[in-house]
N, C-alpha and C. Protein backbone atom coordinates (compact mmCIF):
# COMPACT_ATOMS: atom_id res chain seq x y z
N MET A 1 60.35 32.51 54.65
CA MET A 1 59.79 31.73 53.70
C MET A 1 58.39 31.72 53.69
N PRO A 2 57.88 32.15 52.65
CA PRO A 2 56.36 32.26 52.17
C PRO A 2 55.57 30.60 52.60
N THR A 3 54.43 30.96 53.08
CA THR A 3 53.67 29.68 53.10
C THR A 3 52.69 30.09 52.74
N ALA A 4 51.65 29.04 52.15
CA ALA A 4 50.48 29.57 51.66
C ALA A 4 49.90 27.93 51.65
N GLN A 5 48.69 28.39 51.52
CA GLN A 5 47.43 27.16 51.75
C GLN A 5 46.52 27.02 50.47
N SER A 6 46.14 25.96 49.80
CA SER A 6 45.56 26.09 48.31
C SER A 6 44.64 24.34 48.19
N ARG A 7 44.03 24.49 47.02
CA ARG A 7 43.18 23.16 47.60
C ARG A 7 43.53 22.54 45.92
N THR A 8 43.32 20.98 45.88
CA THR A 8 43.57 20.56 45.02
C THR A 8 42.32 20.40 43.81
N SER A 9 42.49 20.52 42.54
CA SER A 9 41.00 20.32 41.80
C SER A 9 41.76 19.25 40.58
N ARG A 10 40.70 19.23 39.79
CA ARG A 10 40.71 17.62 38.74
C ARG A 10 40.97 18.85 37.19
N ALA A 11 42.19 18.54 36.88
CA ALA A 11 42.28 18.82 35.58
C ALA A 11 42.34 17.96 34.54
N GLY A 12 41.36 17.10 33.69
CA GLY A 12 41.40 16.00 32.82
C GLY A 12 41.46 15.06 33.66
N ASN A 13 42.20 13.73 33.41
CA ASN A 13 42.20 12.84 34.28
C ASN A 13 43.40 12.89 35.71
N SER A 14 43.84 14.34 35.58
CA SER A 14 45.58 14.53 36.31
C SER A 14 44.79 15.43 37.85
N GLU A 15 45.06 15.39 39.25
CA GLU A 15 44.82 16.34 39.77
C GLU A 15 45.77 17.54 39.53
N ALA A 16 44.87 18.59 39.92
CA ALA A 16 46.09 20.01 39.49
C ALA A 16 45.99 20.74 41.19
N LEU A 17 47.01 21.50 41.12
CA LEU A 17 47.37 22.25 42.54
C LEU A 17 47.68 23.64 41.70
N ARG A 18 46.96 24.64 42.09
CA ARG A 18 46.91 26.05 41.89
C ARG A 18 47.85 26.77 42.96
N LEU A 19 49.05 27.00 42.48
CA LEU A 19 49.66 27.91 43.03
C LEU A 19 49.55 29.31 43.48
N PRO A 20 49.54 29.55 44.68
CA PRO A 20 49.25 31.10 44.84
C PRO A 20 50.54 31.93 44.20
N GLU A 21 50.52 33.11 43.69
CA GLU A 21 51.43 34.10 43.48
C GLU A 21 52.33 34.22 44.07
N ASP A 22 52.06 34.06 45.81
CA ASP A 22 53.44 34.44 46.07
C ASP A 22 54.48 33.22 46.34
N VAL A 23 54.20 32.03 45.82
CA VAL A 23 54.86 31.27 45.77
C VAL A 23 54.97 30.53 44.77
N ALA A 24 54.47 30.96 43.53
CA ALA A 24 54.48 30.43 42.36
C ALA A 24 55.70 30.87 41.82
N PHE A 25 56.14 29.83 40.44
CA PHE A 25 57.18 30.25 39.89
C PHE A 25 56.43 30.82 38.52
N ASP A 26 57.43 31.46 37.52
CA ASP A 26 56.69 31.42 36.35
C ASP A 26 56.23 30.71 35.75
N VAL A 27 55.38 31.46 34.70
CA VAL A 27 54.57 30.22 33.94
C VAL A 27 55.47 29.76 33.11
N GLY A 28 55.16 28.29 32.80
CA GLY A 28 55.85 27.53 31.48
C GLY A 28 57.26 27.10 32.38
N THR A 29 57.60 27.20 33.61
CA THR A 29 58.69 26.86 34.08
C THR A 29 58.88 25.29 34.82
N GLU A 30 59.55 24.50 34.19
CA GLU A 30 59.66 23.03 34.23
C GLU A 30 59.89 23.16 35.85
N VAL A 31 58.82 22.10 36.24
CA VAL A 31 59.47 21.60 37.87
C VAL A 31 59.63 20.16 38.33
N VAL A 32 60.15 19.83 39.25
CA VAL A 32 60.85 18.62 39.86
C VAL A 32 59.36 18.47 40.78
N ILE A 33 58.80 17.32 41.14
CA ILE A 33 58.16 17.14 42.19
C ILE A 33 58.57 16.11 42.72
N VAL A 34 58.87 15.70 44.31
CA VAL A 34 59.14 15.04 44.81
C VAL A 34 58.15 14.29 46.22
N ARG A 35 57.57 13.08 46.30
CA ARG A 35 56.91 13.03 47.23
C ARG A 35 57.26 11.79 48.47
N SER A 36 57.34 12.45 49.50
CA SER A 36 57.52 11.18 50.39
C SER A 36 56.35 11.70 51.42
N GLY A 37 55.45 10.61 51.43
CA GLY A 37 54.61 10.65 52.54
C GLY A 37 53.48 11.42 51.95
N ASP A 38 52.93 12.25 52.80
CA ASP A 38 52.01 13.77 52.05
C ASP A 38 52.83 14.73 52.75
N VAL A 39 53.82 14.62 52.38
CA VAL A 39 55.17 15.82 52.15
C VAL A 39 55.48 15.93 50.60
N MET A 40 55.36 16.90 49.88
CA MET A 40 55.75 17.37 48.57
C MET A 40 56.31 18.17 48.48
N THR A 41 57.55 18.31 47.73
CA THR A 41 58.63 19.35 47.53
C THR A 41 58.65 19.67 45.84
N ILE A 42 58.47 20.72 45.80
CA ILE A 42 58.34 21.17 44.20
C ILE A 42 59.96 22.07 44.17
N TYR A 43 60.53 22.03 43.39
CA TYR A 43 61.36 22.70 42.49
C TYR A 43 61.62 23.29 41.17
N SER A 44 62.10 24.12 41.04
CA SER A 44 62.69 24.05 39.21
C SER A 44 63.47 23.29 38.90
N ALA A 45 63.41 22.74 37.79
CA ALA A 45 63.90 21.94 36.95
C ALA A 45 65.31 22.38 36.86
N ARG A 46 66.55 21.77 36.71
CA ARG A 46 67.81 22.52 36.18
C ARG A 46 68.07 22.41 35.12
N MET A 47 68.55 23.07 34.34
CA MET A 47 68.67 23.27 32.80
C MET A 47 69.85 22.58 32.30
N THR A 48 69.42 21.73 31.27
CA THR A 48 70.46 20.98 30.65
C THR A 48 71.91 21.99 30.34
N VAL A 49 73.03 20.96 29.85
CA VAL A 49 73.91 21.74 29.79
C VAL A 49 74.15 22.47 28.43
N ALA A 50 72.81 22.29 27.26
CA ALA A 50 72.66 22.99 26.24
C ALA A 50 72.07 23.95 26.56
N GLU A 51 70.84 23.99 27.25
CA GLU A 51 70.23 25.20 27.81
C GLU A 51 71.14 25.98 28.52
N MET A 52 72.13 25.64 29.10
CA MET A 52 73.40 27.09 29.37
C MET A 52 74.02 27.16 28.84
N ALA A 53 74.63 26.77 27.64
CA ALA A 53 75.33 27.26 27.04
C ALA A 53 74.19 28.30 26.08
N ALA A 54 73.26 27.92 25.72
CA ALA A 54 72.17 28.79 24.85
C ALA A 54 71.92 30.11 25.77
N ARG A 55 71.71 29.65 26.89
CA ARG A 55 71.54 31.35 27.72
C ARG A 55 72.68 32.23 27.88
N LEU A 56 74.02 31.09 28.27
CA LEU A 56 75.35 31.90 28.31
C LEU A 56 75.52 32.19 26.66
N ALA A 57 75.51 32.19 25.90
CA ALA A 57 75.77 32.69 25.06
C ALA A 57 74.96 34.07 24.47
N GLU A 58 73.54 34.15 24.94
CA GLU A 58 72.76 35.07 24.77
C GLU A 58 73.57 36.49 25.74
N MET A 59 74.08 36.25 26.40
CA MET A 59 74.87 36.99 27.45
C MET A 59 75.35 38.14 26.68
N PRO A 60 75.68 39.32 26.93
CA PRO A 60 76.08 40.27 26.06
C PRO A 60 78.01 40.17 26.33
N ARG A 61 78.79 40.47 26.02
CA ARG A 61 80.13 40.11 25.47
C ARG A 61 80.76 41.45 26.65
N PRO A 62 81.77 41.21 27.40
CA PRO A 62 82.38 42.18 28.15
C PRO A 62 83.19 42.80 27.47
N GLY A 63 83.14 44.13 27.91
CA GLY A 63 84.12 45.18 27.23
C GLY A 63 85.48 45.05 27.21
N ALA A 64 85.85 44.65 28.02
CA ALA A 64 87.22 44.39 28.05
C ALA A 64 87.71 43.75 29.70
N ILE A 65 88.87 42.70 29.09
CA ILE A 65 89.30 41.98 30.29
C ILE A 65 89.67 42.58 31.42
N GLU A 66 89.50 42.53 32.83
CA GLU A 66 90.61 43.11 33.46
C GLU A 66 91.66 42.06 34.01
N ALA A 67 92.77 42.82 33.94
CA ALA A 67 94.20 42.31 34.50
C ALA A 67 93.83 42.20 36.11
N ARG A 68 94.27 40.81 36.51
CA ARG A 68 94.22 40.36 38.05
C ARG A 68 95.56 40.89 38.62
N ASP A 69 95.27 41.16 39.81
CA ASP A 69 96.18 41.45 40.71
C ASP A 69 96.98 39.99 41.28
N GLY A 70 98.43 39.56 41.08
CA GLY A 70 98.92 38.60 41.29
C GLY A 70 98.55 38.19 43.02
N ASP A 71 98.56 36.68 43.25
CA ASP A 71 98.13 36.61 44.74
C ASP A 71 99.47 36.33 45.21
N GLU A 72 99.84 36.89 46.35
CA GLU A 72 100.68 36.51 47.34
C GLU A 72 100.82 35.69 48.03
N LEU A 73 101.23 34.41 48.10
CA LEU A 73 101.09 33.31 48.91
C LEU A 73 102.33 33.33 50.33
N PRO A 74 102.26 33.36 51.64
CA PRO A 74 102.91 33.48 52.32
C PRO A 74 103.54 32.08 52.42
N GLU A 75 105.29 32.68 53.15
CA GLU A 75 105.81 31.36 53.06
C GLU A 75 105.62 30.70 53.73
N ARG A 76 105.52 29.18 53.90
CA ARG A 76 105.12 28.34 54.98
C ARG A 76 106.63 27.72 55.38
N ALA A 77 106.32 27.78 56.77
CA ALA A 77 107.55 26.70 57.43
C ALA A 77 107.30 25.30 57.33
N GLU A 78 108.45 24.71 57.52
CA GLU A 78 108.42 23.14 56.99
C GLU A 78 109.42 22.31 58.63
């Protein structure tokens, strides 16, 4: 797990934190920040259902659907 050290700065009326490249998200990534005492956890925000549907719609359709082998279930003793 990469660890980085940085320093806060002022950005307008807000405090800003620069994320070094080895721990950074892609530019424009929406994040959620959770603070508990002096510990902050930053993680990427989940997609909404509409965003997920749009991303799935962008994916190419499969050429063909493969037939699955049937599942063989063992006999159970009663």
